[in-house]
Amino acid sequence: MPPHPDQARWFTEEVDPHRRALRAYVQRAFPGVRDVDDVVQDSLLRIWTARAGRQLGCARAFLFKIARNRALDLLRHDRASPFVVVRDLAALPVAEDAPSCADVLSTAEKIELVAEAIADLPDRCREIVVLRKLQGLSQRDVALRLGLSERTVEVQVARGTRRCADFLRRRGLTATDAAL
C-alpha cells in the first residue's frame, strides 16, 4: 500500500532533514555501536511506523530518543554476547590442525609395537610381509623377486598378518587400533 501523501510530506519535511545530525549524534554519543547506519535506518523506520499510527509532537526529539534507545539496546546486547570484529583472520589464535602431543605419542608407540610384531616374524615370512605390505609390491612381484609361487606369498602374507595381529592383541591393541 503506498504511503499517504501527508505521511510522505511529513517525513520529508520533519524527519529526513535530521538524518545527518542523527548519524553524528549516534557516532559521538555511542562509540561502541558497530553499525551507526543501521541505528539511523532503524530509527527512521520506527518513527515512520509510529507516525502512521498517531500524531507526534516534536519529530526531531522523538527521532533522537528512538536512536538513543536503539543504540543502548545494541550495546546491551553486545555486552551480553560480545562479538569481536576481526580485520586480519590470519592473526587469530586458531587451534592447529596438527595432532596433539598425546596423539603423536600414541601413534609413535603403535608404530613401535607394529615394528616389534614384524621383527618377531620368522625371517622368510617377515621378508614377504615387508615387501608386500610395507613396500607395496604386488603378490606376483614378490613371488618373482624371491623365486616363490604366488600361492606361497599369499599364504605367508596371511600367516604374517595373523601373527602380527596376535602379537598386538597380546599387548592390548586390536588390529584397528594399530591401523595407522
N, C-alpha and C. Protein backbone atom coordinates (compact mmCIF):
# COMPACT_ATOMS: atom_id res chain seq x y z
N MET A 1 0.85 -1.17 0.00
CA MET A 1 0.00 0.00 0.00
C MET A 1 0.90 1.24 0.00
N PRO A 2 0.70 2.16 -0.92
CA PRO A 2 1.55 3.36 -0.98
C PRO A 2 1.32 4.25 0.23
N PRO A 3 2.35 4.99 0.66
CA PRO A 3 2.19 5.85 1.83
C PRO A 3 1.19 6.97 1.54
N HIS A 4 0.56 7.38 2.60
CA HIS A 4 -0.37 8.50 2.50
C HIS A 4 0.44 9.75 2.16
N PRO A 5 -0.04 10.59 1.25
CA PRO A 5 0.75 11.77 0.86
C PRO A 5 1.14 12.66 2.04
N ASP A 6 0.27 12.77 3.03
CA ASP A 6 0.60 13.59 4.20
C ASP A 6 1.76 12.98 4.99
N GLN A 7 1.77 11.66 5.07
CA GLN A 7 2.83 10.94 5.78
C GLN A 7 4.17 11.18 5.08
N ALA A 8 4.18 11.04 3.76
CA ALA A 8 5.41 11.23 2.99
C ALA A 8 5.90 12.67 3.11
N ARG A 9 4.99 13.64 3.03
CA ARG A 9 5.36 15.05 3.15
C ARG A 9 5.93 15.31 4.55
N TRP A 10 5.24 14.79 5.58
CA TRP A 10 5.70 14.97 6.96
C TRP A 10 7.11 14.41 7.13
N PHE A 11 7.35 13.22 6.61
CA PHE A 11 8.67 12.59 6.74
C PHE A 11 9.73 13.44 6.04
N THR A 12 9.43 13.88 4.84
CA THR A 12 10.40 14.66 4.06
C THR A 12 10.72 15.99 4.73
N GLU A 13 9.73 16.62 5.31
CA GLU A 13 9.93 17.94 5.91
C GLU A 13 10.38 17.91 7.37
N GLU A 14 9.85 16.96 8.14
CA GLU A 14 10.08 16.97 9.58
C GLU A 14 11.16 16.00 10.08
N VAL A 15 11.40 14.92 9.32
CA VAL A 15 12.31 13.89 9.82
C VAL A 15 13.60 13.83 9.02
N ASP A 16 13.50 13.68 7.73
CA ASP A 16 14.67 13.47 6.88
C ASP A 16 15.75 14.54 7.02
N PRO A 17 15.41 15.80 7.24
CA PRO A 17 16.47 16.81 7.40
C PRO A 17 17.39 16.56 8.60
N HIS A 18 16.96 15.71 9.54
CA HIS A 18 17.76 15.45 10.75
C HIS A 18 18.65 14.21 10.61
N ARG A 19 18.62 13.58 9.47
CA ARG A 19 19.35 12.32 9.27
C ARG A 19 20.85 12.47 9.55
N ARG A 20 21.50 13.49 9.00
CA ARG A 20 22.95 13.67 9.20
C ARG A 20 23.28 13.99 10.65
N ALA A 21 22.46 14.82 11.27
CA ALA A 21 22.70 15.19 12.67
C ALA A 21 22.48 13.95 13.57
N LEU A 22 21.50 13.13 13.22
CA LEU A 22 21.23 11.92 13.98
C LEU A 22 22.43 10.96 13.88
N ARG A 23 22.96 10.81 12.69
CA ARG A 23 24.12 9.94 12.48
C ARG A 23 25.31 10.44 13.31
N ALA A 24 25.56 11.74 13.28
CA ALA A 24 26.68 12.33 14.04
C ALA A 24 26.45 12.13 15.55
N TYR A 25 25.21 12.30 16.01
CA TYR A 25 24.89 12.11 17.42
C TYR A 25 25.16 10.67 17.86
N VAL A 26 24.70 9.71 17.08
CA VAL A 26 24.89 8.30 17.45
C VAL A 26 26.38 7.96 17.48
N GLN A 27 27.10 8.43 16.48
CA GLN A 27 28.55 8.17 16.43
C GLN A 27 29.27 8.76 17.64
N ARG A 28 28.90 9.97 18.00
CA ARG A 28 29.57 10.67 19.09
C ARG A 28 29.13 10.13 20.46
N ALA A 29 27.84 9.93 20.66
CA ALA A 29 27.32 9.53 21.96
C ALA A 29 27.51 8.04 22.26
N PHE A 30 27.58 7.22 21.21
CA PHE A 30 27.68 5.77 21.40
C PHE A 30 28.80 5.20 20.53
N PRO A 31 30.05 5.46 20.89
CA PRO A 31 31.17 5.00 20.06
C PRO A 31 31.29 3.48 20.00
N GLY A 32 30.65 2.77 20.92
CA GLY A 32 30.72 1.31 20.91
C GLY A 32 29.77 0.65 19.91
N VAL A 33 28.88 1.43 19.33
CA VAL A 33 27.94 0.87 18.36
C VAL A 33 28.70 0.58 17.07
N ARG A 34 28.62 -0.68 16.63
CA ARG A 34 29.39 -1.09 15.46
C ARG A 34 28.85 -0.52 14.15
N ASP A 35 27.53 -0.49 13.99
CA ASP A 35 26.98 -0.03 12.72
C ASP A 35 26.01 1.12 12.95
N VAL A 36 26.55 2.31 12.91
CA VAL A 36 25.77 3.52 13.14
C VAL A 36 24.67 3.66 12.10
N ASP A 37 24.98 3.32 10.85
CA ASP A 37 23.98 3.46 9.78
C ASP A 37 22.76 2.58 10.03
N ASP A 38 22.96 1.42 10.62
CA ASP A 38 21.82 0.56 10.96
C ASP A 38 20.94 1.21 12.01
N VAL A 39 21.55 1.84 13.00
CA VAL A 39 20.78 2.53 14.05
C VAL A 39 19.97 3.67 13.43
N VAL A 40 20.59 4.43 12.56
CA VAL A 40 19.91 5.55 11.91
C VAL A 40 18.75 5.03 11.06
N GLN A 41 19.01 4.04 10.24
CA GLN A 41 17.98 3.49 9.37
C GLN A 41 16.82 2.92 10.18
N ASP A 42 17.14 2.19 11.22
CA ASP A 42 16.11 1.59 12.07
C ASP A 42 15.29 2.68 12.76
N SER A 43 15.95 3.74 13.18
CA SER A 43 15.25 4.86 13.83
C SER A 43 14.29 5.54 12.86
N LEU A 44 14.73 5.73 11.63
CA LEU A 44 13.87 6.33 10.62
C LEU A 44 12.65 5.45 10.35
N LEU A 45 12.86 4.17 10.28
CA LEU A 45 11.75 3.24 10.05
C LEU A 45 10.78 3.25 11.23
N ARG A 46 11.31 3.28 12.43
CA ARG A 46 10.46 3.25 13.62
C ARG A 46 9.64 4.54 13.76
N ILE A 47 10.23 5.66 13.41
CA ILE A 47 9.45 6.90 13.51
C ILE A 47 8.37 6.95 12.42
N TRP A 48 8.70 6.41 11.26
CA TRP A 48 7.71 6.32 10.18
C TRP A 48 6.52 5.47 10.64
N THR A 49 6.82 4.33 11.25
CA THR A 49 5.77 3.41 11.72
C THR A 49 4.96 4.06 12.86
N ALA A 50 5.66 4.73 13.77
CA ALA A 50 4.97 5.37 14.89
C ALA A 50 4.04 6.48 14.40
N ARG A 51 4.46 7.24 13.42
CA ARG A 51 3.66 8.35 12.88
C ARG A 51 2.44 7.84 12.13
N ALA A 52 2.57 6.64 11.56
CA ALA A 52 1.43 6.07 10.83
C ALA A 52 0.29 5.75 11.77
N GLY A 53 0.57 5.49 13.03
CA GLY A 53 -0.46 5.13 13.99
C GLY A 53 -0.99 6.30 14.81
N ARG A 54 -0.22 7.38 14.91
CA ARG A 54 -0.67 8.52 15.75
C ARG A 54 0.09 9.79 15.38
N GLN A 55 -0.34 10.87 15.87
CA GLN A 55 0.33 12.15 15.67
C GLN A 55 1.50 12.25 16.64
N LEU A 56 2.58 12.83 16.19
CA LEU A 56 3.75 13.01 17.04
C LEU A 56 3.95 14.50 17.27
N GLY A 57 4.44 14.83 18.47
CA GLY A 57 4.70 16.24 18.77
C GLY A 57 5.93 16.74 18.02
N CYS A 58 7.09 16.60 18.62
CA CYS A 58 8.34 17.06 18.02
C CYS A 58 9.05 15.87 17.38
N ALA A 59 9.07 15.84 16.06
CA ALA A 59 9.65 14.71 15.32
C ALA A 59 11.14 14.55 15.64
N ARG A 60 11.85 15.67 15.72
CA ARG A 60 13.29 15.59 15.97
C ARG A 60 13.58 14.95 17.32
N ALA A 61 12.94 15.39 18.37
CA ALA A 61 13.17 14.86 19.71
C ALA A 61 12.80 13.37 19.76
N PHE A 62 11.67 13.03 19.12
CA PHE A 62 11.24 11.64 19.12
C PHE A 62 12.23 10.77 18.35
N LEU A 63 12.73 11.26 17.22
CA LEU A 63 13.70 10.54 16.40
C LEU A 63 14.99 10.28 17.18
N PHE A 64 15.49 11.28 17.87
CA PHE A 64 16.72 11.13 18.64
C PHE A 64 16.52 10.18 19.83
N LYS A 65 15.32 10.22 20.42
CA LYS A 65 15.04 9.31 21.53
C LYS A 65 15.00 7.87 21.03
N ILE A 66 14.39 7.64 19.86
CA ILE A 66 14.37 6.29 19.27
C ILE A 66 15.79 5.81 19.03
N ALA A 67 16.62 6.66 18.44
CA ALA A 67 18.00 6.29 18.13
C ALA A 67 18.78 5.99 19.41
N ARG A 68 18.58 6.80 20.43
CA ARG A 68 19.26 6.58 21.72
C ARG A 68 18.88 5.21 22.28
N ASN A 69 17.59 4.93 22.31
CA ASN A 69 17.13 3.65 22.86
C ASN A 69 17.65 2.47 22.03
N ARG A 70 17.64 2.63 20.72
CA ARG A 70 18.13 1.56 19.84
C ARG A 70 19.62 1.31 20.06
N ALA A 71 20.41 2.38 20.17
CA ALA A 71 21.85 2.25 20.40
C ALA A 71 22.12 1.58 21.74
N LEU A 72 21.37 1.96 22.78
CA LEU A 72 21.54 1.34 24.09
C LEU A 72 21.18 -0.14 24.05
N ASP A 73 20.10 -0.48 23.33
CA ASP A 73 19.74 -1.89 23.16
C ASP A 73 20.87 -2.68 22.52
N LEU A 74 21.46 -2.12 21.47
CA LEU A 74 22.56 -2.81 20.78
C LEU A 74 23.77 -2.98 21.69
N LEU A 75 24.09 -1.95 22.45
CA LEU A 75 25.23 -2.03 23.36
C LEU A 75 24.99 -3.07 24.46
N ARG A 76 23.76 -3.11 24.99
CA ARG A 76 23.43 -4.13 26.00
C ARG A 76 23.54 -5.53 25.40
N HIS A 77 23.06 -5.68 24.18
CA HIS A 77 23.14 -6.98 23.51
C HIS A 77 24.59 -7.39 23.28
N ASP A 78 25.40 -6.44 22.85
CA ASP A 78 26.82 -6.74 22.60
C ASP A 78 27.54 -7.10 23.90
N ARG A 79 27.14 -6.46 24.99
CA ARG A 79 27.76 -6.76 26.27
C ARG A 79 27.37 -8.17 26.72
N ALA A 80 26.12 -8.55 26.45
CA ALA A 80 25.64 -9.87 26.84
C ALA A 80 26.26 -10.97 25.98
N SER A 81 26.43 -10.70 24.71
CA SER A 81 27.05 -11.68 23.81
C SER A 81 28.08 -10.94 22.96
N PRO A 82 29.27 -10.76 23.52
CA PRO A 82 30.28 -9.96 22.82
C PRO A 82 30.69 -10.57 21.48
N PHE A 83 30.83 -9.71 20.52
CA PHE A 83 31.24 -10.08 19.18
C PHE A 83 32.41 -9.18 18.83
N VAL A 84 33.53 -9.78 18.57
CA VAL A 84 34.73 -9.01 18.30
C VAL A 84 34.94 -8.95 16.79
N VAL A 85 35.07 -7.73 16.29
CA VAL A 85 35.34 -7.56 14.88
C VAL A 85 36.81 -7.87 14.62
N VAL A 86 37.07 -8.72 13.65
CA VAL A 86 38.43 -9.11 13.34
C VAL A 86 38.73 -8.68 11.91
N ARG A 87 39.78 -7.94 11.74
CA ARG A 87 40.16 -7.46 10.41
C ARG A 87 41.14 -8.42 9.73
N ASP A 88 42.01 -9.06 10.54
CA ASP A 88 43.03 -9.94 9.99
C ASP A 88 42.82 -11.35 10.52
N LEU A 89 42.20 -12.21 9.72
CA LEU A 89 41.90 -13.57 10.16
C LEU A 89 43.16 -14.38 10.42
N ALA A 90 44.22 -14.08 9.72
CA ALA A 90 45.47 -14.82 9.91
C ALA A 90 46.06 -14.57 11.30
N ALA A 91 45.70 -13.46 11.92
CA ALA A 91 46.25 -13.13 13.24
C ALA A 91 45.51 -13.82 14.38
N LEU A 92 44.40 -14.47 14.08
CA LEU A 92 43.63 -15.13 15.13
C LEU A 92 44.37 -16.33 15.70
N PRO A 93 44.28 -16.51 17.01
CA PRO A 93 44.89 -17.70 17.61
C PRO A 93 43.95 -18.89 17.40
N VAL A 94 44.18 -19.63 16.35
CA VAL A 94 43.31 -20.75 15.99
C VAL A 94 43.99 -22.05 16.37
N ALA A 95 43.20 -22.98 16.83
CA ALA A 95 43.75 -24.29 17.16
C ALA A 95 44.34 -24.91 15.90
N GLU A 96 45.49 -25.52 16.05
CA GLU A 96 46.16 -26.12 14.90
C GLU A 96 45.46 -27.39 14.47
N ASP A 97 45.61 -27.70 13.19
CA ASP A 97 45.09 -28.95 12.67
C ASP A 97 46.03 -30.10 13.00
N ALA A 98 47.20 -29.78 13.50
CA ALA A 98 48.19 -30.81 13.82
C ALA A 98 47.68 -31.67 14.98
N PRO A 99 48.09 -32.92 15.00
CA PRO A 99 47.67 -33.79 16.10
C PRO A 99 48.25 -33.32 17.43
N SER A 100 47.56 -33.65 18.50
CA SER A 100 48.03 -33.26 19.83
C SER A 100 49.27 -34.08 20.19
N CYS A 101 49.94 -33.64 21.23
CA CYS A 101 51.13 -34.36 21.71
C CYS A 101 50.78 -35.79 22.09
N ALA A 102 49.62 -35.96 22.73
CA ALA A 102 49.18 -37.30 23.14
C ALA A 102 48.96 -38.19 21.92
N ASP A 103 48.35 -37.61 20.87
CA ASP A 103 48.12 -38.40 19.65
C ASP A 103 49.43 -38.80 18.99
N VAL A 104 50.38 -37.86 18.95
CA VAL A 104 51.68 -38.15 18.35
C VAL A 104 52.38 -39.26 19.12
N LEU A 105 52.36 -39.16 20.45
CA LEU A 105 53.00 -40.17 21.29
C LEU A 105 52.31 -41.52 21.12
N SER A 106 51.00 -41.52 21.08
CA SER A 106 50.25 -42.76 20.91
C SER A 106 50.57 -43.40 19.56
N THR A 107 50.64 -42.59 18.51
CA THR A 107 50.97 -43.10 17.18
C THR A 107 52.39 -43.67 17.18
N ALA A 108 53.31 -42.97 17.81
CA ALA A 108 54.70 -43.46 17.86
C ALA A 108 54.77 -44.79 18.59
N GLU A 109 54.02 -44.92 19.68
CA GLU A 109 54.00 -46.19 20.41
C GLU A 109 53.41 -47.31 19.55
N LYS A 110 52.38 -47.01 18.81
CA LYS A 110 51.76 -48.01 17.93
C LYS A 110 52.73 -48.44 16.84
N ILE A 111 53.43 -47.48 16.26
CA ILE A 111 54.41 -47.81 15.22
C ILE A 111 55.49 -48.72 15.80
N GLU A 112 55.93 -48.39 17.00
CA GLU A 112 56.96 -49.21 17.65
C GLU A 112 56.46 -50.64 17.89
N LEU A 113 55.22 -50.78 18.31
CA LEU A 113 54.66 -52.11 18.55
C LEU A 113 54.51 -52.89 17.24
N VAL A 114 54.07 -52.21 16.18
CA VAL A 114 53.93 -52.88 14.87
C VAL A 114 55.31 -53.32 14.39
N ALA A 115 56.32 -52.46 14.57
CA ALA A 115 57.69 -52.83 14.17
C ALA A 115 58.17 -54.04 14.97
N GLU A 116 57.85 -54.10 16.25
CA GLU A 116 58.22 -55.27 17.06
C GLU A 116 57.49 -56.51 16.57
N ALA A 117 56.22 -56.36 16.22
CA ALA A 117 55.44 -57.50 15.73
C ALA A 117 56.04 -58.04 14.44
N ILE A 118 56.45 -57.15 13.55
CA ILE A 118 57.06 -57.58 12.29
C ILE A 118 58.42 -58.22 12.55
N ALA A 119 59.19 -57.63 13.46
CA ALA A 119 60.51 -58.18 13.79
C ALA A 119 60.39 -59.56 14.42
N ASP A 120 59.27 -59.85 15.04
CA ASP A 120 59.06 -61.12 15.71
C ASP A 120 58.70 -62.25 14.72
N LEU A 121 58.41 -61.89 13.47
CA LEU A 121 58.05 -62.90 12.46
C LEU A 121 59.29 -63.71 12.06
N PRO A 122 59.09 -64.96 11.61
CA PRO A 122 60.21 -65.73 11.05
C PRO A 122 60.79 -64.98 9.85
N ASP A 123 62.08 -65.19 9.58
CA ASP A 123 62.79 -64.42 8.55
C ASP A 123 62.07 -64.36 7.21
N ARG A 124 61.76 -65.53 6.62
CA ARG A 124 61.14 -65.56 5.29
C ARG A 124 59.78 -64.87 5.32
N CYS A 125 58.98 -65.14 6.34
CA CYS A 125 57.65 -64.54 6.47
C CYS A 125 57.79 -63.01 6.60
N ARG A 126 58.74 -62.56 7.43
CA ARG A 126 58.98 -61.13 7.61
C ARG A 126 59.36 -60.47 6.29
N GLU A 127 60.23 -61.09 5.53
CA GLU A 127 60.67 -60.54 4.25
C GLU A 127 59.48 -60.39 3.30
N ILE A 128 58.62 -61.40 3.25
CA ILE A 128 57.45 -61.36 2.35
C ILE A 128 56.46 -60.28 2.81
N VAL A 129 56.20 -60.20 4.10
CA VAL A 129 55.26 -59.18 4.63
C VAL A 129 55.79 -57.78 4.35
N VAL A 130 57.07 -57.56 4.57
CA VAL A 130 57.66 -56.23 4.33
C VAL A 130 57.53 -55.84 2.87
N LEU A 131 57.89 -56.77 1.97
CA LEU A 131 57.81 -56.47 0.54
C LEU A 131 56.36 -56.21 0.11
N ARG A 132 55.46 -57.02 0.59
CA ARG A 132 54.07 -56.94 0.14
C ARG A 132 53.31 -55.80 0.82
N LYS A 133 53.38 -55.71 2.13
CA LYS A 133 52.56 -54.75 2.89
C LYS A 133 53.21 -53.39 3.09
N LEU A 134 54.50 -53.37 3.30
CA LEU A 134 55.16 -52.09 3.57
C LEU A 134 55.71 -51.43 2.32
N GLN A 135 56.28 -52.23 1.43
CA GLN A 135 56.82 -51.65 0.21
C GLN A 135 55.79 -51.61 -0.91
N GLY A 136 54.68 -52.31 -0.73
CA GLY A 136 53.58 -52.23 -1.68
C GLY A 136 53.77 -52.99 -2.98
N LEU A 137 54.68 -53.98 -2.99
CA LEU A 137 54.87 -54.77 -4.20
C LEU A 137 53.66 -55.69 -4.40
N SER A 138 53.37 -55.98 -5.64
CA SER A 138 52.27 -56.91 -5.91
C SER A 138 52.68 -58.31 -5.50
N GLN A 139 51.69 -59.18 -5.37
CA GLN A 139 51.95 -60.57 -4.99
C GLN A 139 52.86 -61.24 -6.03
N ARG A 140 52.61 -60.95 -7.29
CA ARG A 140 53.40 -61.52 -8.39
C ARG A 140 54.86 -61.04 -8.31
N ASP A 141 55.05 -59.71 -8.06
CA ASP A 141 56.41 -59.15 -7.98
C ASP A 141 57.20 -59.75 -6.81
N VAL A 142 56.53 -59.94 -5.67
CA VAL A 142 57.20 -60.56 -4.51
C VAL A 142 57.61 -61.98 -4.87
N ALA A 143 56.69 -62.71 -5.52
CA ALA A 143 56.98 -64.11 -5.90
C ALA A 143 58.17 -64.17 -6.85
N LEU A 144 58.19 -63.28 -7.85
CA LEU A 144 59.30 -63.27 -8.82
C LEU A 144 60.62 -62.90 -8.14
N ARG A 145 60.60 -61.90 -7.27
CA ARG A 145 61.82 -61.43 -6.62
C ARG A 145 62.42 -62.52 -5.72
N LEU A 146 61.56 -63.28 -5.03
CA LEU A 146 62.07 -64.27 -4.08
C LEU A 146 62.09 -65.69 -4.65
N GLY A 147 61.65 -65.84 -5.91
CA GLY A 147 61.65 -67.16 -6.54
C GLY A 147 60.65 -68.11 -5.89
N LEU A 148 59.48 -67.58 -5.52
CA LEU A 148 58.44 -68.38 -4.89
C LEU A 148 57.19 -68.40 -5.77
N SER A 149 56.27 -69.27 -5.43
CA SER A 149 54.99 -69.25 -6.14
C SER A 149 54.12 -68.15 -5.54
N GLU A 150 53.18 -67.65 -6.31
CA GLU A 150 52.28 -66.62 -5.81
C GLU A 150 51.45 -67.15 -4.64
N ARG A 151 51.10 -68.42 -4.69
CA ARG A 151 50.32 -69.04 -3.62
C ARG A 151 51.13 -69.03 -2.31
N THR A 152 52.40 -69.28 -2.38
CA THR A 152 53.25 -69.26 -1.19
C THR A 152 53.29 -67.85 -0.60
N VAL A 153 53.42 -66.85 -1.46
CA VAL A 153 53.42 -65.46 -1.00
C VAL A 153 52.10 -65.15 -0.31
N GLU A 154 51.00 -65.56 -0.92
CA GLU A 154 49.67 -65.31 -0.36
C GLU A 154 49.54 -65.94 1.03
N VAL A 155 49.96 -67.19 1.17
CA VAL A 155 49.88 -67.90 2.44
C VAL A 155 50.76 -67.23 3.49
N GLN A 156 51.98 -66.84 3.11
CA GLN A 156 52.91 -66.22 4.05
C GLN A 156 52.42 -64.84 4.52
N VAL A 157 51.83 -64.08 3.61
CA VAL A 157 51.28 -62.76 3.98
C VAL A 157 50.13 -62.95 4.97
N ALA A 158 49.24 -63.91 4.69
CA ALA A 158 48.13 -64.18 5.60
C ALA A 158 48.64 -64.63 6.97
N ARG A 159 49.61 -65.51 6.98
CA ARG A 159 50.19 -66.02 8.22
C ARG A 159 50.88 -64.89 9.00
N GLY A 160 51.66 -64.09 8.29
CA GLY A 160 52.37 -62.98 8.94
C GLY A 160 51.41 -61.94 9.49
N THR A 161 50.37 -61.65 8.75
CA THR A 161 49.37 -60.67 9.22
C THR A 161 48.68 -61.19 10.47
N ARG A 162 48.32 -62.46 10.45
CA ARG A 162 47.66 -63.07 11.61
C ARG A 162 48.59 -63.06 12.83
N ARG A 163 49.86 -63.40 12.62
CA ARG A 163 50.82 -63.42 13.73
C ARG A 163 51.04 -62.01 14.30
N CYS A 164 51.08 -61.01 13.41
CA CYS A 164 51.23 -59.62 13.88
C CYS A 164 50.00 -59.20 14.70
N ALA A 165 48.82 -59.56 14.22
CA ALA A 165 47.58 -59.23 14.94
C ALA A 165 47.58 -59.88 16.32
N ASP A 166 48.01 -61.13 16.39
CA ASP A 166 48.08 -61.83 17.69
C ASP A 166 49.08 -61.14 18.62
N PHE A 167 50.23 -60.76 18.08
CA PHE A 167 51.27 -60.07 18.85
C PHE A 167 50.68 -58.78 19.45
N LEU A 168 49.98 -57.99 18.62
CA LEU A 168 49.41 -56.72 19.08
C LEU A 168 48.30 -56.96 20.10
N ARG A 169 47.48 -57.95 19.88
CA ARG A 169 46.39 -58.27 20.80
C ARG A 169 46.94 -58.63 22.18
N ARG A 170 48.03 -59.38 22.21
CA ARG A 170 48.64 -59.74 23.50
C ARG A 170 49.14 -58.51 24.25
N ARG A 171 49.38 -57.43 23.53
CA ARG A 171 49.86 -56.19 24.16
C ARG A 171 48.74 -55.16 24.33
N GLY A 172 47.50 -55.62 24.14
CA GLY A 172 46.34 -54.76 24.43
C GLY A 172 45.83 -53.94 23.26
N LEU A 173 46.35 -54.19 22.06
CA LEU A 173 45.87 -53.45 20.89
C LEU A 173 45.08 -54.37 19.98
N THR A 174 44.07 -53.79 19.34
CA THR A 174 43.37 -54.54 18.29
C THR A 174 44.00 -54.15 16.96
N ALA A 175 43.68 -54.88 15.93
CA ALA A 175 44.23 -54.55 14.61
C ALA A 175 43.81 -53.16 14.18
N THR A 176 42.56 -52.74 14.53
CA THR A 176 42.12 -51.38 14.15
C THR A 176 42.83 -50.31 14.96
N ASP A 177 43.20 -50.62 16.20
CA ASP A 177 43.98 -49.66 17.00
C ASP A 177 45.33 -49.41 16.35
N ALA A 178 45.91 -50.46 15.79
CA ALA A 178 47.24 -50.35 15.21
C ALA A 178 47.21 -49.82 13.79
N ALA A 179 46.03 -49.72 13.19
CA ALA A 179 45.93 -49.18 11.82
C ALA A 179 46.36 -47.72 11.84
N LEU A 180 47.44 -47.43 11.25
CA LEU A 180 47.99 -46.09 11.26
C LEU A 180 47.56 -45.40 10.02
